[in-house]
Amino acid sequence: MGNIDLDYIERYCGCMLGGAIGDALGSKVEGMLPEYVREYHDKIIDFNGDSKYTDDTQQAIIIAENLLVGNGLINPEKLAQQ
């Protein structure tokens, strides 16, 4: 696999984690108009007991796994099976 830049790995992991956290925080208001969210929810700054990531994060995980297995390339047939 060659030399691996640990800083790159840390940034990648941070990106995936940040995306999952943002997805979970916004999952309760997904699809709502921003005006409605501001009026009835104010700011979303904390998780409640049932905050979970959505299919958006699951898709990002599947794509990341495919990129790892394919050494940076995605096999569309394998991706479609998942």
C-alpha atoms as a PDB file:
ATOM      1  CA  MET A   1       0.000   0.000   0.000  1.00  0.00           C
ATOM      2  CA  GLY A   2       3.029   2.286   0.266  1.00  0.00           C
ATOM      3  CA  ASN A   3       3.528   5.197   2.598  1.00  0.00           C
ATOM      4  CA  ILE A   4       0.358   6.442   4.215  1.00  0.00           C
ATOM      5  CA  ASP A   5       0.083  10.077   5.241  1.00  0.00           C
ATOM      6  CA  LEU A   6      -1.466   9.908   8.728  1.00  0.00           C
ATOM      7  CA  ASP A   7      -2.529  13.553   8.519  1.00  0.00           C
ATOM      8  CA  TYR A   8      -4.520  12.697   5.387  1.00  0.00           C
ATOM      9  CA  ILE A   9      -6.191   9.772   7.175  1.00  0.00           C
ATOM     10  CA  GLU A  10      -7.079  11.949  10.160  1.00  0.00           C
ATOM     11  CA  ARG A  11      -8.594  14.601   7.898  1.00  0.00           C
ATOM     12  CA  TYR A  12     -10.545  11.955   5.991  1.00  0.00           C
ATOM     13  CA  CYS A  13     -11.890  10.443   9.226  1.00  0.00           C
ATOM     14  CA  GLY A  14     -12.786  13.914  10.486  1.00  0.00           C
ATOM     15  CA  CYS A  15     -14.655  14.598   7.274  1.00  0.00           C
ATOM     16  CA  MET A  16     -16.658  11.377   7.543  1.00  0.00           C
ATOM     17  CA  LEU A  17     -17.391  11.945  11.239  1.00  0.00           C
ATOM     18  CA  GLY A  18     -18.332  15.587  10.711  1.00  0.00           C
ATOM     19  CA  GLY A  19     -20.680  14.604   7.907  1.00  0.00           C
ATOM     20  CA  ALA A  20     -22.358  11.953  10.065  1.00  0.00           C
ATOM     21  CA  ILE A  21     -22.744  14.385  12.989  1.00  0.00           C
ATOM     22  CA  GLY A  22     -24.215  17.082  10.745  1.00  0.00           C
ATOM     23  CA  ASP A  23     -26.534  14.527   9.176  1.00  0.00           C
ATOM     24  CA  ALA A  24     -27.772  13.360  12.591  1.00  0.00           C
ATOM     25  CA  LEU A  25     -28.237  16.927  13.846  1.00  0.00           C
ATOM     26  CA  GLY A  26     -30.277  17.858  10.791  1.00  0.00           C
ATOM     27  CA  SER A  27     -32.200  14.599  10.450  1.00  0.00           C
ATOM     28  CA  LYS A  28     -35.226  15.863  12.397  1.00  0.00           C
ATOM     29  CA  VAL A  29     -35.715  18.833  10.086  1.00  0.00           C
ATOM     30  CA  GLU A  30     -34.670  17.275   6.790  1.00  0.00           C
ATOM     31  CA  GLY A  31     -36.863  18.502   3.967  1.00  0.00           C
ATOM     32  CA  MET A  32     -38.354  21.381   5.975  1.00  0.00           C
ATOM     33  CA  LEU A  33     -38.163  24.940   4.738  1.00  0.00           C
ATOM     34  CA  PRO A  34     -35.457  26.996   6.479  1.00  0.00           C
ATOM     35  CA  GLU A  35     -38.068  29.554   7.558  1.00  0.00           C
ATOM     36  CA  TYR A  36     -40.066  26.859   9.354  1.00  0.00           C
ATOM     37  CA  VAL A  37     -36.964  25.482  11.060  1.00  0.00           C
ATOM     38  CA  ARG A  38     -35.948  28.952  12.288  1.00  0.00           C
ATOM     39  CA  GLU A  39     -39.455  29.772  13.520  1.00  0.00           C
ATOM     40  CA  TYR A  40     -40.253  26.523  15.324  1.00  0.00           C
ATOM     41  CA  HIS A  41     -36.870  25.008  16.156  1.00  0.00           C
ATOM     42  CA  ASP A  42     -34.584  28.046  16.458  1.00  0.00           C
ATOM     43  CA  LYS A  43     -31.047  26.609  16.364  1.00  0.00           C
ATOM     44  CA  ILE A  44     -30.246  22.929  16.316  1.00  0.00           C
ATOM     45  CA  ILE A  45     -27.263  22.700  18.632  1.00  0.00           C
ATOM     46  CA  ASP A  46     -27.712  19.427  20.476  1.00  0.00           C
ATOM     47  CA  PHE A  47     -28.677  15.823  19.933  1.00  0.00           C
ATOM     48  CA  ASN A  48     -31.837  14.455  21.442  1.00  0.00           C
ATOM     49  CA  GLY A  49     -32.168  10.818  22.430  1.00  0.00           C
ATOM     50  CA  ASP A  50     -33.250   9.605  19.012  1.00  0.00           C
ATOM     51  CA  SER A  51     -30.917  11.545  16.705  1.00  0.00           C
ATOM     52  CA  LYS A  52     -29.457   9.154  14.164  1.00  0.00           C
ATOM     53  CA  TYR A  53     -27.641   9.511  10.897  1.00  0.00           C
ATOM     54  CA  THR A  54     -29.681   8.945   7.761  1.00  0.00           C
ATOM     55  CA  ASP A  55     -29.313   7.119   4.490  1.00  0.00           C
ATOM     56  CA  ASP A  56     -27.125  10.010   3.313  1.00  0.00           C
ATOM     57  CA  THR A  57     -24.384   8.949   5.740  1.00  0.00           C
ATOM     58  CA  GLN A  58     -24.930   5.281   4.941  1.00  0.00           C
ATOM     59  CA  GLN A  59     -24.411   6.033   1.255  1.00  0.00           C
ATOM     60  CA  ALA A  60     -21.212   7.972   2.046  1.00  0.00           C
ATOM     61  CA  ILE A  61     -19.923   4.981   4.031  1.00  0.00           C
ATOM     62  CA  ILE A  62     -20.693   2.576   1.184  1.00  0.00           C
ATOM     63  CA  ILE A  63     -18.951   4.823  -1.343  1.00  0.00           C
ATOM     64  CA  ALA A  64     -15.922   5.206   0.950  1.00  0.00           C
ATOM     65  CA  GLU A  65     -15.697   1.431   1.375  1.00  0.00           C
ATOM     66  CA  ASN A  66     -15.872   0.969  -2.403  1.00  0.00           C
ATOM     67  CA  LEU A  67     -13.119   3.536  -2.931  1.00  0.00           C
ATOM     68  CA  LEU A  68     -10.896   1.711  -0.438  1.00  0.00           C
ATOM     69  CA  VAL A  69     -11.497  -1.703  -1.972  1.00  0.00           C
ATOM     70  CA  GLY A  70     -11.053  -0.350  -5.495  1.00  0.00           C
ATOM     71  CA  ASN A  71      -7.862   1.598  -4.720  1.00  0.00           C
ATOM     72  CA  GLY A  72      -9.579   4.896  -5.474  1.00  0.00           C
ATOM     73  CA  LEU A  73     -11.877   3.603  -8.201  1.00  0.00           C
ATOM     74  CA  ILE A  74     -15.516   2.592  -7.927  1.00  0.00           C
ATOM     75  CA  ASN A  75     -16.906  -0.513  -9.577  1.00  0.00           C
ATOM     76  CA  PRO A  76     -20.448   0.567 -10.557  1.00  0.00           C
ATOM     77  CA  GLU A  77     -21.756  -3.014 -10.622  1.00  0.00           C
ATOM     78  CA  LYS A  78     -20.538  -3.742  -7.085  1.00  0.00           C
ATOM     79  CA  LEU A  79     -21.857  -0.387  -5.862  1.00  0.00           C
ATOM     80  CA  ALA A  80     -25.293  -1.091  -7.357  1.00  0.00           C
ATOM     81  CA  GLN A  81     -25.448  -4.430  -5.489  1.00  0.00           C
ATOM     82  CA  GLN A  82     -25.035  -2.690  -2.161  1.00  0.00           C
END
